[in-house]
C-alpha atoms as a PDB file:
ATOM      1  CA  MET A   1       0.504   2.899   3.608  1.00  0.00           C
ATOM      2  CA  LYS A   2       2.690   0.114   2.386  1.00  0.00           C
ATOM      3  CA  GLN A   3       0.043  -2.215   3.546  1.00  0.00           C
ATOM      4  CA  PHE A   4      -2.058  -0.627   0.858  1.00  0.00           C
ATOM      5  CA  ALA A   5       0.334  -1.933  -1.704  1.00  0.00           C
ATOM      6  CA  LEU A   6      -0.003  -5.481  -0.549  1.00  0.00           C
ATOM      7  CA  ALA A   7      -3.762  -5.283  -0.497  1.00  0.00           C
ATOM      8  CA  ALA A   8      -3.660  -4.114  -4.065  1.00  0.00           C
ATOM      9  CA  ALA A   9      -1.476  -7.095  -4.922  1.00  0.00           C
ATOM     10  CA  PHE A  10      -4.173  -9.349  -3.566  1.00  0.00           C
ATOM     11  CA  ALA A  11      -6.728  -7.638  -5.756  1.00  0.00           C
ATOM     12  CA  ALA A  12      -4.506  -8.238  -8.753  1.00  0.00           C
ATOM     13  CA  ALA A  13      -4.409 -11.910  -7.882  1.00  0.00           C
ATOM     14  CA  THR A  14      -8.196 -12.131  -7.709  1.00  0.00           C
ATOM     15  CA  PHE A  15      -8.491 -10.873 -11.281  1.00  0.00           C
ATOM     16  CA  ALA A  16      -6.084 -13.408 -12.765  1.00  0.00           C
ATOM     17  CA  PRO A  17      -7.473 -16.426 -14.607  1.00  0.00           C
ATOM     18  CA  MET A  18      -8.504 -19.063 -12.099  1.00  0.00           C
ATOM     19  CA  SER A  19      -6.372 -21.659 -13.880  1.00  0.00           C
ATOM     20  CA  ALA A  20      -3.316 -19.700 -12.781  1.00  0.00           C
ATOM     21  CA  PHE A  21      -3.905 -20.712  -9.162  1.00  0.00           C
ATOM     22  CA  ALA A  22      -4.350 -23.989  -7.301  1.00  0.00           C
ATOM     23  CA  ASP A  23      -5.569 -23.955  -3.697  1.00  0.00           C
ATOM     24  CA  THR A  24      -3.928 -21.311  -1.530  1.00  0.00           C
ATOM     25  CA  GLU A  25      -0.785 -19.774  -2.982  1.00  0.00           C
ATOM     26  CA  THR A  26       1.630 -17.251  -1.560  1.00  0.00           C
ATOM     27  CA  TYR A  27       2.734 -14.191  -3.514  1.00  0.00           C
ATOM     28  CA  VAL A  28       5.365 -11.789  -2.224  1.00  0.00           C
ATOM     29  CA  LEU A  29       6.035  -8.183  -3.180  1.00  0.00           C
ATOM     30  CA  ASP A  30       8.990  -7.402  -5.401  1.00  0.00           C
ATOM     31  CA  ALA A  31      10.569  -4.798  -3.120  1.00  0.00           C
ATOM     32  CA  SER A  32      12.636  -3.334  -5.957  1.00  0.00           C
ATOM     33  CA  HIS A  33       9.526  -2.508  -8.020  1.00  0.00           C
ATOM     34  CA  SER A  34       6.954  -1.503  -5.392  1.00  0.00           C
ATOM     35  CA  GLN A  35       6.357   2.071  -4.280  1.00  0.00           C
ATOM     36  CA  ILE A  36       3.837   4.223  -2.457  1.00  0.00           C
ATOM     37  CA  VAL A  37       3.918   7.886  -3.414  1.00  0.00           C
ATOM     38  CA  PHE A  38       2.054  10.298  -1.136  1.00  0.00           C
ATOM     39  CA  SER A  39       1.142  13.919  -1.826  1.00  0.00           C
ATOM     40  CA  TYR A  40      -0.484  16.815   0.004  1.00  0.00           C
ATOM     41  CA  ASN A  41      -1.183  20.487  -0.570  1.00  0.00           C
ATOM     42  CA  HIS A  42       1.228  22.902   1.100  1.00  0.00           C
ATOM     43  CA  LEU A  43      -0.420  26.225   2.020  1.00  0.00           C
ATOM     44  CA  GLY A  44      -2.155  26.385  -1.360  1.00  0.00           C
ATOM     45  CA  TYR A  45       1.170  27.083  -3.068  1.00  0.00           C
ATOM     46  CA  SER A  46       2.360  23.636  -4.089  1.00  0.00           C
ATOM     47  CA  THR A  47       1.814  19.910  -4.011  1.00  0.00           C
ATOM     48  CA  THR A  48       4.496  18.179  -1.962  1.00  0.00           C
ATOM     49  CA  TYR A  49       5.466  14.543  -2.600  1.00  0.00           C
ATOM     50  CA  GLY A  50       7.140  11.756  -0.658  1.00  0.00           C
ATOM     51  CA  MET A  51       7.580   8.031  -1.076  1.00  0.00           C
ATOM     52  CA  PHE A  52       7.910   4.713   0.678  1.00  0.00           C
ATOM     53  CA  SER A  53       9.845   2.042  -1.215  1.00  0.00           C
ATOM     54  CA  GLY A  54      11.634  -1.258  -0.705  1.00  0.00           C
ATOM     55  CA  PHE A  55       8.931  -2.693   1.543  1.00  0.00           C
ATOM     56  CA  GLU A  56       7.812  -6.310   1.809  1.00  0.00           C
ATOM     57  CA  GLY A  57       4.470  -8.058   2.085  1.00  0.00           C
ATOM     58  CA  GLU A  58       2.628 -11.302   1.522  1.00  0.00           C
ATOM     59  CA  ILE A  59      -0.606 -12.451  -0.108  1.00  0.00           C
ATOM     60  CA  GLN A  60      -2.318 -15.714   0.842  1.00  0.00           C
ATOM     61  CA  PHE A  61      -4.669 -16.388  -2.081  1.00  0.00           C
ATOM     62  CA  ASP A  62      -7.522 -18.910  -1.910  1.00  0.00           C
ATOM     63  CA  GLN A  63      -8.725 -19.705  -5.424  1.00  0.00           C
ATOM     64  CA  ALA A  64     -11.946 -21.408  -4.337  1.00  0.00           C
ATOM     65  CA  ASP A  65     -12.947 -18.636  -1.927  1.00  0.00           C
ATOM     66  CA  PRO A  66     -11.164 -15.319  -2.595  1.00  0.00           C
ATOM     67  CA  ALA A  67     -12.948 -13.767   0.389  1.00  0.00           C
ATOM     68  CA  ALA A  68     -10.991 -16.184   2.604  1.00  0.00           C
ATOM     69  CA  SER A  69      -7.682 -14.902   1.230  1.00  0.00           C
ATOM     70  CA  SER A  70      -5.551 -12.408   3.122  1.00  0.00           C
ATOM     71  CA  VAL A  71      -3.029  -9.646   2.530  1.00  0.00           C
ATOM     72  CA  THR A  72      -0.602  -8.245   5.084  1.00  0.00           C
ATOM     73  CA  VAL A  73       2.273  -5.803   4.788  1.00  0.00           C
ATOM     74  CA  SER A  74       4.328  -3.635   7.117  1.00  0.00           C
ATOM     75  CA  PHE A  75       7.290  -1.282   6.952  1.00  0.00           C
ATOM     76  CA  PRO A  76       9.208   1.163   9.145  1.00  0.00           C
ATOM     77  CA  VAL A  77       7.923   4.745   9.304  1.00  0.00           C
ATOM     78  CA  ARG A  78      11.554   5.817   8.962  1.00  0.00           C
ATOM     79  CA  SER A  79      11.760   4.290   5.478  1.00  0.00           C
ATOM     80  CA  MET A  80       9.963   7.442   4.264  1.00  0.00           C
ATOM     81  CA  LEU A  81      11.731   9.359   1.496  1.00  0.00           C
ATOM     82  CA  THR A  82      11.021  13.110   1.249  1.00  0.00           C
ATOM     83  CA  GLY A  83      13.872  14.427  -0.901  1.00  0.00           C
ATOM     84  CA  TRP A  84      14.793  16.959   1.768  1.00  0.00           C
ATOM     85  CA  GLU A  85      16.556  16.016   4.994  1.00  0.00           C
ATOM     86  CA  GLU A  86      14.966  18.785   7.079  1.00  0.00           C
ATOM     87  CA  ARG A  87      11.443  17.727   6.021  1.00  0.00           C
ATOM     88  CA  PHE A  88      12.154  14.120   6.955  1.00  0.00           C
ATOM     89  CA  ALA A  89      13.492  15.263  10.372  1.00  0.00           C
ATOM     90  CA  HIS A  90      10.339  17.337  10.935  1.00  0.00           C
ATOM     91  CA  PHE A  91       8.055  14.404  10.023  1.00  0.00           C
ATOM     92  CA  MET A  92       9.878  12.190  12.528  1.00  0.00           C
ATOM     93  CA  ALA A  93       9.711  14.888  15.267  1.00  0.00           C
ATOM     94  CA  PRO A  94       6.933  15.393  17.894  1.00  0.00           C
ATOM     95  CA  ASP A  95       4.854  17.598  15.530  1.00  0.00           C
ATOM     96  CA  PHE A  96       4.083  14.457  13.546  1.00  0.00           C
ATOM     97  CA  PHE A  97       5.263  10.851  14.076  1.00  0.00           C
ATOM     98  CA  ASP A  98       7.767  11.276  16.906  1.00  0.00           C
ATOM     99  CA  ALA A  99       8.902   7.967  15.424  1.00  0.00           C
ATOM    100  CA  ALA A 100      11.201   5.482  17.102  1.00  0.00           C
ATOM    101  CA  ASP A 101      13.556   3.476  14.897  1.00  0.00           C
ATOM    102  CA  ASP A 102      11.325   0.401  15.125  1.00  0.00           C
ATOM    103  CA  GLU A 103       7.934   2.086  14.612  1.00  0.00           C
ATOM    104  CA  MET A 104       5.988   0.302  11.881  1.00  0.00           C
ATOM    105  CA  VAL A 105       3.118   1.025   9.519  1.00  0.00           C
ATOM    106  CA  SER A 106       0.898  -1.972   8.764  1.00  0.00           C
ATOM    107  CA  PHE A 107      -2.062  -2.867   6.597  1.00  0.00           C
ATOM    108  CA  ALA A 108      -4.250  -5.989   6.594  1.00  0.00           C
ATOM    109  CA  SER A 109      -7.082  -6.490   4.121  1.00  0.00           C
ATOM    110  CA  THR A 110     -10.538  -7.217   5.511  1.00  0.00           C
ATOM    111  CA  TYR A 111     -12.775  -7.176   2.410  1.00  0.00           C
ATOM    112  CA  ILE A 112     -12.390  -7.111  -1.374  1.00  0.00           C
ATOM    113  CA  GLU A 113     -15.126  -6.045  -3.772  1.00  0.00           C
ATOM    114  CA  VAL A 114     -14.401  -6.834  -7.426  1.00  0.00           C
ATOM    115  CA  THR A 115     -15.833  -3.939  -9.467  1.00  0.00           C
ATOM    116  CA  GLY A 116     -14.781  -4.870 -13.018  1.00  0.00           C
ATOM    117  CA  ASN A 117     -12.586  -7.143 -15.126  1.00  0.00           C
ATOM    118  CA  LYS A 118      -9.439  -5.454 -13.815  1.00  0.00           C
ATOM    119  CA  THR A 119     -10.659  -3.303 -10.931  1.00  0.00           C
ATOM    120  CA  ALA A 120     -11.548  -3.766  -7.267  1.00  0.00           C
ATOM    121  CA  LYS A 121     -12.116  -1.893  -4.041  1.00  0.00           C
ATOM    122  CA  ILE A 122      -9.952  -3.285  -1.255  1.00  0.00           C
ATOM    123  CA  THR A 123     -10.894  -2.464   2.331  1.00  0.00           C
ATOM    124  CA  GLY A 124      -8.343  -3.017   5.060  1.00  0.00           C
ATOM    125  CA  ASP A 125      -7.110  -1.863   8.446  1.00  0.00           C
ATOM    126  CA  LEU A 126      -4.298   0.668   8.300  1.00  0.00           C
ATOM    127  CA  THR A 127      -2.275   1.084  11.479  1.00  0.00           C
ATOM    128  CA  LEU A 128      -0.288   4.308  11.468  1.00  0.00           C
ATOM    129  CA  ASN A 129       1.081   6.293  14.391  1.00  0.00           C
ATOM    130  CA  GLY A 130      -0.499   3.822  16.835  1.00  0.00           C
ATOM    131  CA  VAL A 131      -4.011   4.311  15.397  1.00  0.00           C
ATOM    132  CA  THR A 132      -5.940   1.727  13.331  1.00  0.00           C
ATOM    133  CA  LYS A 133      -8.562   2.885  10.825  1.00  0.00           C
ATOM    134  CA  PRO A 134     -10.258   1.309   7.787  1.00  0.00           C
ATOM    135  CA  VAL A 135      -8.990   2.451   4.380  1.00  0.00           C
ATOM    136  CA  VAL A 136     -10.351   1.673   0.908  1.00  0.00           C
ATOM    137  CA  LEU A 137      -8.029   1.244  -2.079  1.00  0.00           C
ATOM    138  CA  ASP A 138      -9.174   1.605  -5.673  1.00  0.00           C
ATOM    139  CA  ALA A 139      -7.048  -1.024  -7.403  1.00  0.00           C
ATOM    140  CA  THR A 140      -6.393  -1.789 -11.062  1.00  0.00           C
ATOM    141  CA  LEU A 141      -4.696  -4.901 -12.363  1.00  0.00           C
ATOM    142  CA  ASN A 142      -1.943  -3.995 -14.849  1.00  0.00           C
ATOM    143  CA  GLN A 143      -0.820  -7.447 -15.921  1.00  0.00           C
ATOM    144  CA  THR A 144      -0.356 -11.070 -14.850  1.00  0.00           C
ATOM    145  CA  GLY A 145       1.761 -13.824 -16.368  1.00  0.00           C
ATOM    146  CA  ASP A 146       5.207 -15.350 -16.300  1.00  0.00           C
ATOM    147  CA  HIS A 147       7.906 -12.771 -15.686  1.00  0.00           C
ATOM    148  CA  PRO A 148      10.199 -12.690 -18.771  1.00  0.00           C
ATOM    149  CA  MET A 149      13.390 -12.718 -16.673  1.00  0.00           C
ATOM    150  CA  ALA A 150      12.360 -14.458 -13.451  1.00  0.00           C
ATOM    151  CA  GLY A 151      10.488 -17.224 -15.297  1.00  0.00           C
ATOM    152  CA  LYS A 152       7.663 -17.544 -12.776  1.00  0.00           C
ATOM    153  CA  PRO A 153       4.143 -16.136 -12.229  1.00  0.00           C
ATOM    154  CA  TRP A 154       4.043 -12.389 -11.595  1.00  0.00           C
ATOM    155  CA  ALA A 155       1.358  -9.746 -11.054  1.00  0.00           C
ATOM    156  CA  GLY A 156       1.457  -5.955 -11.232  1.00  0.00           C
ATOM    157  CA  PHE A 157      -1.093  -3.306 -10.397  1.00  0.00           C
ATOM    158  CA  ASP A 158      -1.744   0.266  -9.391  1.00  0.00           C
ATOM    159  CA  ALA A 159      -3.999   1.585  -6.618  1.00  0.00           C
ATOM    160  CA  THR A 160      -5.053   4.905  -5.154  1.00  0.00           C
ATOM    161  CA  ALA A 161      -6.498   5.989  -1.827  1.00  0.00           C
ATOM    162  CA  THR A 162      -7.072   9.109   0.244  1.00  0.00           C
ATOM    163  CA  VAL A 163      -6.393   9.250   3.975  1.00  0.00           C
ATOM    164  CA  LEU A 164      -6.905  12.007   6.519  1.00  0.00           C
ATOM    165  CA  ARG A 165      -3.840  12.822   8.616  1.00  0.00           C
ATOM    166  CA  SER A 166      -6.066  13.836  11.505  1.00  0.00           C
ATOM    167  CA  ASP A 167      -7.541  10.311  11.665  1.00  0.00           C
ATOM    168  CA  PHE A 168      -4.089   9.134  12.750  1.00  0.00           C
ATOM    169  CA  ASN A 169      -3.297  12.018  15.144  1.00  0.00           C
ATOM    170  CA  LEU A 170      -1.030  13.593  12.511  1.00  0.00           C
ATOM    171  CA  GLY A 171      -3.140  16.670  11.730  1.00  0.00           C
ATOM    172  CA  LYS A 172      -0.680  19.395  12.734  1.00  0.00           C
ATOM    173  CA  PHE A 173      -1.053  22.617  10.671  1.00  0.00           C
ATOM    174  CA  ALA A 174      -4.333  21.518   9.013  1.00  0.00           C
ATOM    175  CA  PRO A 175      -6.084  22.958   7.095  1.00  0.00           C
ATOM    176  CA  TYR A 176      -3.152  25.088   5.891  1.00  0.00           C
ATOM    177  CA  VAL A 177      -1.228  21.937   5.139  1.00  0.00           C
ATOM    178  CA  SER A 178      -3.994  19.721   3.749  1.00  0.00           C
ATOM    179  CA  ASP A 179      -5.500  17.117   6.017  1.00  0.00           C
ATOM    180  CA  GLU A 180      -6.089  14.909   2.967  1.00  0.00           C
ATOM    181  CA  VAL A 181      -3.120  12.884   1.760  1.00  0.00           C
ATOM    182  CA  GLN A 182      -3.331  11.212  -1.644  1.00  0.00           C
ATOM    183  CA  LEU A 183      -1.712   7.795  -2.044  1.00  0.00           C
ATOM    184  CA  MET A 184      -0.545   6.405  -5.388  1.00  0.00           C
ATOM    185  CA  ILE A 185       0.594   2.794  -5.207  1.00  0.00           C
ATOM    186  CA  SER A 186       2.320   0.675  -7.822  1.00  0.00           C
ATOM    187  CA  ILE A 187       3.578  -2.814  -7.063  1.00  0.00           C
ATOM    188  CA  GLU A 188       4.784  -6.060  -8.515  1.00  0.00           C
ATOM    189  CA  ALA A 189       4.403  -9.413  -6.753  1.00  0.00           C
ATOM    190  CA  SER A 190       5.862 -12.830  -7.526  1.00  0.00           C
ATOM    191  CA  LYS A 191       4.694 -16.315  -6.684  1.00  0.00           C
ATOM    192  CA  ALA A 192       6.705 -17.595  -3.727  1.00  0.00           C
ATOM    193  CA  ASN A 193       9.146 -20.441  -4.350  1.00  0.00           C
END
């Protein structure tokens, strides 16, 4: 899921004016301002939310050939925030992730289709719970330019995606607890020093 965020950062970079880049440049996520919020329907009664935050990732951007650029990101499953300790414990139990302390989620972009001045579809491989599947992000560039406090190039964007829990062997209790999980991603990325 966090990988999604990094892929979106790459999309943001592709929309920036070409003069802002020279050859391949590295951008890194601002972990303090990057989040993935997930939501799902619970028994038809409510929408339940959780979040991943504080993750890291990297964009290798090729100005001359954006298709040759790459985005990678990964983070621990156990960095999930649910707002309720018992829910987190259940998600980490055998019904769902059965997650070890070092179990990671990862995303690597494989294709980017620019769909407008500030929009793109980003396809990438999401590895979750030991399963790798393609996922498509709908990304929107929010803004690029020099950060007013950091004094260096910055990019920010939002993205959305839908994944099926069952695709990643996490489909317990579906369809009562929805198989579809909505992802809402917002990130900032800075040019590496």
